[in-house]
Amino acid sequence: RAEWINPFIASLGNAFQTMLSCPVQRGAVALKNGHTPKY
């Protein structure tokens, strides 16, 4: 369910901002295709 991802999105933004002083800008949520992470 899409609403389950919101705590992870918020947590990532908070971790990057508070721990790393690095702002993040979120893109669009999409279904994951395949098994290979992008990076």
ModelCIF file with pLDDT and N, C-alpha, C, O atoms, coordinates in Angstrom:
data_MODEL
#
_entry.id   MODEL 
#
_entity.id                         1 
_entity.type                       polymer 
_entity.pdbx_number_of_molecules   1 
#
_entity_poly.entity_id                      1 
_entity_poly.type                           'polypeptide(L)' 
_entity_poly.nstd_linkage                   no 
_entity_poly.nstd_monomer                   no 
_entity_poly.pdbx_seq_one_letter_code       RAEWINPFIASLGNAFQTMLSCPVQRGAVALKNGHTPKY 
_entity_poly.pdbx_seq_one_letter_code_can   RAEWINPFIASLGNAFQTMLSCPVQRGAVALKNGHTPKY 
_entity_poly.pdbx_strand_id                 A 
#
loop_
_entity_poly_seq.entity_id 
_entity_poly_seq.num 
_entity_poly_seq.mon_id 
_entity_poly_seq.hetero 
1 1  ARG n 
1 2  ALA n 
1 3  GLU n 
1 4  TRP n 
1 5  ILE n 
1 6  ASN n 
1 7  PRO n 
1 8  PHE n 
1 9  ILE n 
1 10 ALA n 
1 11 SER n 
1 12 LEU n 
1 13 GLY n 
1 14 ASN n 
1 15 ALA n 
1 16 PHE n 
1 17 GLN n 
1 18 THR n 
1 19 MET n 
1 20 LEU n 
1 21 SER n 
1 22 CYS n 
1 23 PRO n 
1 24 VAL n 
1 25 GLN n 
1 26 ARG n 
1 27 GLY n 
1 28 ALA n 
1 29 VAL n 
1 30 ALA n 
1 31 LEU n 
1 32 LYS n 
1 33 ASN n 
1 34 GLY n 
1 35 HIS n 
1 36 THR n 
1 37 PRO n 
1 38 LYS n 
1 39 TYR n 
#
_struct_asym.id          A 
_struct_asym.entity_id   1 
#
loop_
_ma_qa_metric.id 
_ma_qa_metric.mode 
_ma_qa_metric.name 
_ma_qa_metric.software_group_id 
_ma_qa_metric.type 
1 global pLDDT . pLDDT 
2 local  pLDDT . pLDDT 
#
_ma_qa_metric_global.metric_id      1 
_ma_qa_metric_global.metric_value   92.33 
_ma_qa_metric_global.model_id       1 
_ma_qa_metric_global.ordinal_id     1 
#
loop_
_ma_qa_metric_local.label_asym_id 
_ma_qa_metric_local.label_comp_id 
_ma_qa_metric_local.label_seq_id 
_ma_qa_metric_local.metric_id 
_ma_qa_metric_local.metric_value 
_ma_qa_metric_local.model_id 
_ma_qa_metric_local.ordinal_id 
A ARG 1  2 69.00 1 1  
A ALA 2  2 66.00 1 2  
A GLU 3  2 72.00 1 3  
A TRP 4  2 82.00 1 4  
A ILE 5  2 89.00 1 5  
A ASN 6  2 93.00 1 6  
A PRO 7  2 95.00 1 7  
A PHE 8  2 96.00 1 8  
A ILE 9  2 96.00 1 9  
A ALA 10 2 96.00 1 10 
A SER 11 2 97.00 1 11 
A LEU 12 2 98.00 1 12 
A GLY 13 2 97.00 1 13 
A ASN 14 2 97.00 1 14 
A ALA 15 2 97.00 1 15 
A PHE 16 2 98.00 1 16 
A GLN 17 2 97.00 1 17 
A THR 18 2 96.00 1 18 
A MET 19 2 95.00 1 19 
A LEU 20 2 97.00 1 20 
A SER 21 2 97.00 1 21 
A CYS 22 2 98.00 1 22 
A PRO 23 2 98.00 1 23 
A VAL 24 2 98.00 1 24 
A GLN 25 2 98.00 1 25 
A ARG 26 2 97.00 1 26 
A GLY 27 2 97.00 1 27 
A ALA 28 2 95.00 1 28 
A VAL 29 2 93.00 1 29 
A ALA 30 2 93.00 1 30 
A LEU 31 2 92.00 1 31 
A LYS 32 2 91.00 1 32 
A ASN 33 2 85.00 1 33 
A GLY 34 2 87.00 1 34 
A HIS 35 2 89.00 1 35 
A THR 36 2 91.00 1 36 
A PRO 37 2 92.00 1 37 
A LYS 38 2 91.00 1 38 
A TYR 39 2 96.00 1 39 
#
loop_
_atom_site.group_PDB 
_atom_site.id 
_atom_site.type_symbol 
_atom_site.label_atom_id 
_atom_site.label_alt_id 
_atom_site.label_comp_id 
_atom_site.label_asym_id 
_atom_site.label_entity_id 
_atom_site.label_seq_id 
_atom_site.pdbx_PDB_ins_code 
_atom_site.Cartn_x 
_atom_site.Cartn_y 
_atom_site.Cartn_z 
_atom_site.occupancy 
_atom_site.B_iso_or_equiv 
_atom_site.pdbx_formal_charge 
_atom_site.auth_seq_id 
_atom_site.auth_comp_id 
_atom_site.auth_asym_id 
_atom_site.auth_atom_id 
_atom_site.pdbx_PDB_model_num 
ATOM 1   N N  . ARG A 1 1  ? 0.837  -1.188 0.000   1.00 69.00 ? 1  ARG A N  1 
ATOM 2   C CA . ARG A 1 1  ? 0.000  0.000  0.000   1.00 69.00 ? 1  ARG A CA 1 
ATOM 3   C C  . ARG A 1 1  ? 0.877  1.245  0.000   1.00 69.00 ? 1  ARG A C  1 
ATOM 4   O O  . ARG A 1 1  ? 1.870  1.314  0.724   1.00 69.00 ? 1  ARG A O  1 
ATOM 5   N N  . ALA A 1 2  ? 0.510  2.215  -0.805  1.00 66.00 ? 2  ALA A N  1 
ATOM 6   C CA . ALA A 1 2  ? 1.320  3.420  -0.970  1.00 66.00 ? 2  ALA A CA 1 
ATOM 7   C C  . ALA A 1 2  ? 1.562  4.143  0.347   1.00 66.00 ? 2  ALA A C  1 
ATOM 8   O O  . ALA A 1 2  ? 2.640  4.701  0.553   1.00 66.00 ? 2  ALA A O  1 
ATOM 9   N N  . GLU A 1 3  ? 0.564  4.143  1.253   1.00 72.00 ? 3  GLU A N  1 
ATOM 10  C CA . GLU A 1 3  ? 0.749  4.877  2.503   1.00 72.00 ? 3  GLU A CA 1 
ATOM 11  C C  . GLU A 1 3  ? 1.814  4.252  3.401   1.00 72.00 ? 3  GLU A C  1 
ATOM 12  O O  . GLU A 1 3  ? 2.322  4.917  4.304   1.00 72.00 ? 3  GLU A O  1 
ATOM 13  N N  . TRP A 1 4  ? 2.159  2.990  3.168   1.00 82.00 ? 4  TRP A N  1 
ATOM 14  C CA . TRP A 1 4  ? 3.216  2.366  3.963   1.00 82.00 ? 4  TRP A CA 1 
ATOM 15  C C  . TRP A 1 4  ? 4.591  2.928  3.634   1.00 82.00 ? 4  TRP A C  1 
ATOM 16  O O  . TRP A 1 4  ? 5.500  2.853  4.461   1.00 82.00 ? 4  TRP A O  1 
ATOM 17  N N  . ILE A 1 5  ? 4.757  3.484  2.455   1.00 89.00 ? 5  ILE A N  1 
ATOM 18  C CA . ILE A 1 5  ? 6.073  3.987  2.085   1.00 89.00 ? 5  ILE A CA 1 
ATOM 19  C C  . ILE A 1 5  ? 6.343  5.372  2.691   1.00 89.00 ? 5  ILE A C  1 
ATOM 20  O O  . ILE A 1 5  ? 7.498  5.779  2.815   1.00 89.00 ? 5  ILE A O  1 
ATOM 21  N N  . ASN A 1 6  ? 5.288  6.087  3.063   1.00 93.00 ? 6  ASN A N  1 
ATOM 22  C CA . ASN A 1 6  ? 5.469  7.447  3.587   1.00 93.00 ? 6  ASN A CA 1 
ATOM 23  C C  . ASN A 1 6  ? 6.395  7.520  4.799   1.00 93.00 ? 6  ASN A C  1 
ATOM 24  O O  . ASN A 1 6  ? 7.219  8.432  4.852   1.00 93.00 ? 6  ASN A O  1 
ATOM 25  N N  . PRO A 1 7  ? 6.309  6.606  5.784   1.00 95.00 ? 7  PRO A N  1 
ATOM 26  C CA . PRO A 1 7  ? 7.261  6.687  6.896   1.00 95.00 ? 7  PRO A CA 1 
ATOM 27  C C  . PRO A 1 7  ? 8.718  6.516  6.447   1.00 95.00 ? 7  PRO A C  1 
ATOM 28  O O  . PRO A 1 7  ? 9.621  7.108  7.038   1.00 95.00 ? 7  PRO A O  1 
ATOM 29  N N  . PHE A 1 8  ? 8.946  5.719  5.418   1.00 96.00 ? 8  PHE A N  1 
ATOM 30  C CA . PHE A 1 8  ? 10.304 5.522  4.919   1.00 96.00 ? 8  PHE A CA 1 
ATOM 31  C C  . PHE A 1 8  ? 10.802 6.764  4.185   1.00 96.00 ? 8  PHE A C  1 
ATOM 32  O O  . PHE A 1 8  ? 11.967 7.140  4.312   1.00 96.00 ? 8  PHE A O  1 
ATOM 33  N N  . ILE A 1 9  ? 9.918  7.397  3.420   1.00 96.00 ? 9  ILE A N  1 
ATOM 34  C CA . ILE A 1 9  ? 10.278 8.638  2.718   1.00 96.00 ? 9  ILE A CA 1 
ATOM 35  C C  . ILE A 1 9  ? 10.623 9.725  3.738   1.00 96.00 ? 9  ILE A C  1 
ATOM 36  O O  . ILE A 1 9  ? 11.642 10.404 3.611   1.00 96.00 ? 9  ILE A O  1 
ATOM 37  N N  . ALA A 1 10 ? 9.775  9.882  4.740   1.00 96.00 ? 10 ALA A N  1 
ATOM 38  C CA . ALA A 1 10 ? 10.021 10.895 5.775   1.00 96.00 ? 10 ALA A CA 1 
ATOM 39  C C  . ALA A 1 10 ? 11.305 10.596 6.533   1.00 96.00 ? 10 ALA A C  1 
ATOM 40  O O  . ALA A 1 10 ? 12.085 11.503 6.823   1.00 96.00 ? 10 ALA A O  1 
ATOM 41  N N  . SER A 1 11 ? 11.523 9.335  6.850   1.00 97.00 ? 11 SER A N  1 
ATOM 42  C CA . SER A 1 11 ? 12.715 8.932  7.585   1.00 97.00 ? 11 SER A CA 1 
ATOM 43  C C  . SER A 1 11 ? 13.984 9.202  6.787   1.00 97.00 ? 11 SER A C  1 
ATOM 44  O O  . SER A 1 11 ? 14.982 9.661  7.342   1.00 97.00 ? 11 SER A O  1 
ATOM 45  N N  . LEU A 1 12 ? 13.949 8.918  5.488   1.00 98.00 ? 12 LEU A N  1 
ATOM 46  C CA . LEU A 1 12 ? 15.116 9.178  4.650   1.00 98.00 ? 12 LEU A CA 1 
ATOM 47  C C  . LEU A 1 12 ? 15.421 10.674 4.613   1.00 98.00 ? 12 LEU A C  1 
ATOM 48  O O  . LEU A 1 12 ? 16.571 11.079 4.780   1.00 98.00 ? 12 LEU A O  1 
ATOM 49  N N  . GLY A 1 13 ? 14.403 11.483 4.397   1.00 97.00 ? 13 GLY A N  1 
ATOM 50  C CA . GLY A 1 13 ? 14.607 12.933 4.363   1.00 97.00 ? 13 GLY A CA 1 
ATOM 51  C C  . GLY A 1 13 ? 15.162 13.454 5.664   1.00 97.00 ? 13 GLY A C  1 
ATOM 52  O O  . GLY A 1 13 ? 16.056 14.301 5.670   1.00 97.00 ? 13 GLY A O  1 
ATOM 53  N N  . ASN A 1 14 ? 14.634 12.948 6.779   1.00 97.00 ? 14 ASN A N  1 
ATOM 54  C CA . ASN A 1 14 ? 15.099 13.373 8.088   1.00 97.00 ? 14 ASN A CA 1 
ATOM 55  C C  . ASN A 1 14 ? 16.542 12.944 8.339   1.00 97.00 ? 14 ASN A C  1 
ATOM 56  O O  . ASN A 1 14 ? 17.343 13.738 8.832   1.00 97.00 ? 14 ASN A O  1 
ATOM 57  N N  . ALA A 1 15 ? 16.880 11.707 8.009   1.00 97.00 ? 15 ALA A N  1 
ATOM 58  C CA . ALA A 1 15 ? 18.241 11.210 8.217   1.00 97.00 ? 15 ALA A CA 1 
ATOM 59  C C  . ALA A 1 15 ? 19.252 12.008 7.400   1.00 97.00 ? 15 ALA A C  1 
ATOM 60  O O  . ALA A 1 15 ? 20.313 12.373 7.907   1.00 97.00 ? 15 ALA A O  1 
ATOM 61  N N  . PHE A 1 16 ? 18.929 12.277 6.144   1.00 98.00 ? 16 PHE A N  1 
ATOM 62  C CA . PHE A 1 16 ? 19.859 13.034 5.314   1.00 98.00 ? 16 PHE A CA 1 
ATOM 63  C C  . PHE A 1 16 ? 20.002 14.474 5.807   1.00 98.00 ? 16 PHE A C  1 
ATOM 64  O O  . PHE A 1 16 ? 21.100 15.033 5.799   1.00 98.00 ? 16 PHE A O  1 
ATOM 65  N N  . GLN A 1 17 ? 18.894 15.067 6.233   1.00 97.00 ? 17 GLN A N  1 
ATOM 66  C CA . GLN A 1 17 ? 18.962 16.455 6.685   1.00 97.00 ? 17 GLN A CA 1 
ATOM 67  C C  . GLN A 1 17 ? 19.663 16.573 8.038   1.00 97.00 ? 17 GLN A C  1 
ATOM 68  O O  . GLN A 1 17 ? 20.559 17.403 8.196   1.00 97.00 ? 17 GLN A O  1 
ATOM 69  N N  . THR A 1 18 ? 19.270 15.757 9.012   1.00 96.00 ? 18 THR A N  1 
ATOM 70  C CA . THR A 1 18 ? 19.816 15.916 10.366  1.00 96.00 ? 18 THR A CA 1 
ATOM 71  C C  . THR A 1 18 ? 21.199 15.294 10.532  1.00 96.00 ? 18 THR A C  1 
ATOM 72  O O  . THR A 1 18 ? 22.055 15.879 11.195  1.00 96.00 ? 18 THR A O  1 
ATOM 73  N N  . MET A 1 19 ? 21.434 14.138 9.954   1.00 95.00 ? 19 MET A N  1 
ATOM 74  C CA . MET A 1 19 ? 22.718 13.454 10.144  1.00 95.00 ? 19 MET A CA 1 
ATOM 75  C C  . MET A 1 19 ? 23.792 13.903 9.161   1.00 95.00 ? 19 MET A C  1 
ATOM 76  O O  . MET A 1 19 ? 24.982 13.886 9.477   1.00 95.00 ? 19 MET A O  1 
ATOM 77  N N  . LEU A 1 20 ? 23.361 14.306 7.963   1.00 97.00 ? 20 LEU A N  1 
ATOM 78  C CA . LEU A 1 20 ? 24.335 14.613 6.915   1.00 97.00 ? 20 LEU A CA 1 
ATOM 79  C C  . LEU A 1 20 ? 24.292 16.071 6.452   1.00 97.00 ? 20 LEU A C  1 
ATOM 80  O O  . LEU A 1 20 ? 25.138 16.495 5.665   1.00 97.00 ? 20 LEU A O  1 
ATOM 81  N N  . SER A 1 21 ? 23.316 16.839 6.934   1.00 97.00 ? 21 SER A N  1 
ATOM 82  C CA . SER A 1 21 ? 23.108 18.224 6.467   1.00 97.00 ? 21 SER A CA 1 
ATOM 83  C C  . SER A 1 21 ? 23.002 18.274 4.951   1.00 97.00 ? 21 SER A C  1 
ATOM 84  O O  . SER A 1 21 ? 23.542 19.170 4.302   1.00 97.00 ? 21 SER A O  1 
ATOM 85  N N  . CYS A 1 22 ? 22.297 17.298 4.403   1.00 98.00 ? 22 CYS A N  1 
ATOM 86  C CA . CYS A 1 22 ? 22.146 17.178 2.954   1.00 98.00 ? 22 CYS A CA 1 
ATOM 87  C C  . CYS A 1 22 ? 20.662 17.126 2.613   1.00 98.00 ? 22 CYS A C  1 
ATOM 88  O O  . CYS A 1 22 ? 19.980 16.165 2.969   1.00 98.00 ? 22 CYS A O  1 
ATOM 89  N N  . PRO A 1 23 ? 20.155 18.148 1.929   1.00 98.00 ? 23 PRO A N  1 
ATOM 90  C CA . PRO A 1 23 ? 18.746 18.113 1.541   1.00 98.00 ? 23 PRO A CA 1 
ATOM 91  C C  . PRO A 1 23 ? 18.504 17.083 0.439   1.00 98.00 ? 23 PRO A C  1 
ATOM 92  O O  . PRO A 1 23 ? 19.379 16.812 -0.384  1.00 98.00 ? 23 PRO A O  1 
ATOM 93  N N  . VAL A 1 24 ? 17.301 16.517 0.444   1.00 98.00 ? 24 VAL A N  1 
ATOM 94  C CA . VAL A 1 24 ? 16.910 15.577 -0.606  1.00 98.00 ? 24 VAL A CA 1 
ATOM 95  C C  . VAL A 1 24 ? 15.644 16.089 -1.265  1.00 98.00 ? 24 VAL A C  1 
ATOM 96  O O  . VAL A 1 24 ? 14.806 16.723 -0.624  1.00 98.00 ? 24 VAL A O  1 
ATOM 97  N N  . GLN A 1 25 ? 15.516 15.808 -2.542  1.00 98.00 ? 25 GLN A N  1 
ATOM 98  C CA . GLN A 1 25 ? 14.297 16.144 -3.273  1.00 98.00 ? 25 GLN A CA 1 
ATOM 99  C C  . GLN A 1 25 ? 13.739 14.857 -3.848  1.00 98.00 ? 25 GLN A C  1 
ATOM 100 O O  . GLN A 1 25 ? 14.398 14.165 -4.625  1.00 98.00 ? 25 GLN A O  1 
ATOM 101 N N  . ARG A 1 26 ? 12.504 14.547 -3.450  1.00 97.00 ? 26 ARG A N  1 
ATOM 102 C CA . ARG A 1 26 ? 11.866 13.294 -3.835  1.00 97.00 ? 26 ARG A CA 1 
ATOM 103 C C  . ARG A 1 26 ? 11.297 13.372 -5.240  1.00 97.00 ? 26 ARG A C  1 
ATOM 104 O O  . ARG A 1 26 ? 10.752 14.395 -5.655  1.00 97.00 ? 26 ARG A O  1 
ATOM 105 N N  . GLY A 1 27 ? 11.436 12.272 -5.959  1.00 97.00 ? 27 GLY A N  1 
ATOM 106 C CA . GLY A 1 27 ? 10.791 12.113 -7.251  1.00 97.00 ? 27 GLY A CA 1 
ATOM 107 C C  . GLY A 1 27 ? 9.487  11.355 -7.085  1.00 97.00 ? 27 GLY A C  1 
ATOM 108 O O  . GLY A 1 27 ? 8.996  11.192 -5.968  1.00 97.00 ? 27 GLY A O  1 
ATOM 109 N N  . ALA A 1 28 ? 8.933  10.897 -8.178  1.00 95.00 ? 28 ALA A N  1 
ATOM 110 C CA . ALA A 1 28 ? 7.639  10.211 -8.174  1.00 95.00 ? 28 ALA A CA 1 
ATOM 111 C C  . ALA A 1 28 ? 7.774  8.757  -7.715  1.00 95.00 ? 28 ALA A C  1 
ATOM 112 O O  . ALA A 1 28 ? 8.710  8.058  -8.102  1.00 95.00 ? 28 ALA A O  1 
ATOM 113 N N  . VAL A 1 29 ? 6.829  8.314  -6.887  1.00 93.00 ? 29 VAL A N  1 
ATOM 114 C CA . VAL A 1 29 ? 6.764  6.920  -6.450  1.00 93.00 ? 29 VAL A CA 1 
ATOM 115 C C  . VAL A 1 29 ? 6.314  6.069  -7.628  1.00 93.00 ? 29 VAL A C  1 
ATOM 116 O O  . VAL A 1 29 ? 5.386  6.434  -8.350  1.00 93.00 ? 29 VAL A O  1 
ATOM 117 N N  . ALA A 1 30 ? 6.982  4.927  -7.821  1.00 93.00 ? 30 ALA A N  1 
ATOM 118 C CA . ALA A 1 30 ? 6.633  4.028  -8.924  1.00 93.00 ? 30 ALA A CA 1 
ATOM 119 C C  . ALA A 1 30 ? 6.788  2.590  -8.457  1.00 93.00 ? 30 ALA A C  1 
ATOM 120 O O  . ALA A 1 30 ? 7.468  2.325  -7.465  1.00 93.00 ? 30 ALA A O  1 
ATOM 121 N N  . LEU A 1 31 ? 6.163  1.667  -9.167  1.00 92.00 ? 31 LEU A N  1 
ATOM 122 C CA . LEU A 1 31 ? 6.383  0.254  -8.904  1.00 92.00 ? 31 LEU A CA 1 
ATOM 123 C C  . LEU A 1 31 ? 7.796  -0.110 -9.321  1.00 92.00 ? 31 LEU A C  1 
ATOM 124 O O  . LEU A 1 31 ? 8.285  0.358  -10.349 1.00 92.00 ? 31 LEU A O  1 
ATOM 125 N N  . LYS A 1 32 ? 8.442  -0.929 -8.539  1.00 91.00 ? 32 LYS A N  1 
ATOM 126 C CA . LYS A 1 32 ? 9.798  -1.382 -8.834  1.00 91.00 ? 32 LYS A CA 1 
ATOM 127 C C  . LYS A 1 32 ? 9.741  -2.457 -9.906  1.00 91.00 ? 32 LYS A C  1 
ATOM 128 O O  . LYS A 1 32 ? 8.954  -3.399 -9.814  1.00 91.00 ? 32 LYS A O  1 
ATOM 129 N N  . ASN A 1 33 ? 10.572 -2.310 -10.910 1.00 85.00 ? 33 ASN A N  1 
ATOM 130 C CA . ASN A 1 33 ? 10.674 -3.306 -11.973 1.00 85.00 ? 33 ASN A CA 1 
ATOM 131 C C  . ASN A 1 33 ? 12.014 -4.013 -11.878 1.00 85.00 ? 33 ASN A C  1 
ATOM 132 O O  . ASN A 1 33 ? 13.052 -3.365 -11.750 1.00 85.00 ? 33 ASN A O  1 
ATOM 133 N N  . GLY A 1 34 ? 11.998 -5.322 -11.939 1.00 87.00 ? 34 GLY A N  1 
ATOM 134 C CA . GLY A 1 34 ? 13.235 -6.091 -11.939 1.00 87.00 ? 34 GLY A CA 1 
ATOM 135 C C  . GLY A 1 34 ? 13.833 -6.256 -10.553 1.00 87.00 ? 34 GLY A C  1 
ATOM 136 O O  . GLY A 1 34 ? 13.239 -5.866 -9.548  1.00 87.00 ? 34 GLY A O  1 
ATOM 137 N N  . HIS A 1 35 ? 15.024 -6.846 -10.523 1.00 89.00 ? 35 HIS A N  1 
ATOM 138 C CA . HIS A 1 35 ? 15.695 -7.158 -9.263  1.00 89.00 ? 35 HIS A CA 1 
ATOM 139 C C  . HIS A 1 35 ? 16.983 -6.374 -9.083  1.00 89.00 ? 35 HIS A C  1 
ATOM 140 O O  . HIS A 1 35 ? 17.648 -6.522 -8.058  1.00 89.00 ? 35 HIS A O  1 
ATOM 141 N N  . THR A 1 36 ? 17.349 -5.550 -10.041 1.00 91.00 ? 36 THR A N  1 
ATOM 142 C CA . THR A 1 36 ? 18.613 -4.839 -9.987  1.00 91.00 ? 36 THR A CA 1 
ATOM 143 C C  . THR A 1 36 ? 18.398 -3.410 -9.504  1.00 91.00 ? 36 THR A C  1 
ATOM 144 O O  . THR A 1 36 ? 17.710 -2.632 -10.165 1.00 91.00 ? 36 THR A O  1 
ATOM 145 N N  . PRO A 1 37 ? 18.980 -3.055 -8.354  1.00 92.00 ? 37 PRO A N  1 
ATOM 146 C CA . PRO A 1 37 ? 18.897 -1.665 -7.918  1.00 92.00 ? 37 PRO A CA 1 
ATOM 147 C C  . PRO A 1 37 ? 19.580 -0.748 -8.926  1.00 92.00 ? 37 PRO A C  1 
ATOM 148 O O  . PRO A 1 37 ? 20.450 -1.180 -9.682  1.00 92.00 ? 37 PRO A O  1 
ATOM 149 N N  . LYS A 1 38 ? 19.187 0.496  -8.928  1.00 91.00 ? 38 LYS A N  1 
ATOM 150 C CA . LYS A 1 38 ? 19.673 1.438  -9.937  1.00 91.00 ? 38 LYS A CA 1 
ATOM 151 C C  . LYS A 1 38 ? 21.152 1.781  -9.774  1.00 91.00 ? 38 LYS A C  1 
ATOM 152 O O  . LYS A 1 38 ? 21.847 2.017  -10.762 1.00 91.00 ? 38 LYS A O  1 
ATOM 153 N N  . TYR A 1 39 ? 21.636 1.810  -8.526  1.00 96.00 ? 39 TYR A N  1 
ATOM 154 C CA . TYR A 1 39 ? 23.002 2.276  -8.285  1.00 96.00 ? 39 TYR A CA 1 
ATOM 155 C C  . TYR A 1 39 ? 23.882 1.172  -7.718  1.00 96.00 ? 39 TYR A C  1 
ATOM 156 O O  . TYR A 1 39 ? 25.064 1.397  -7.457  1.00 96.00 ? 39 TYR A O  1 
#
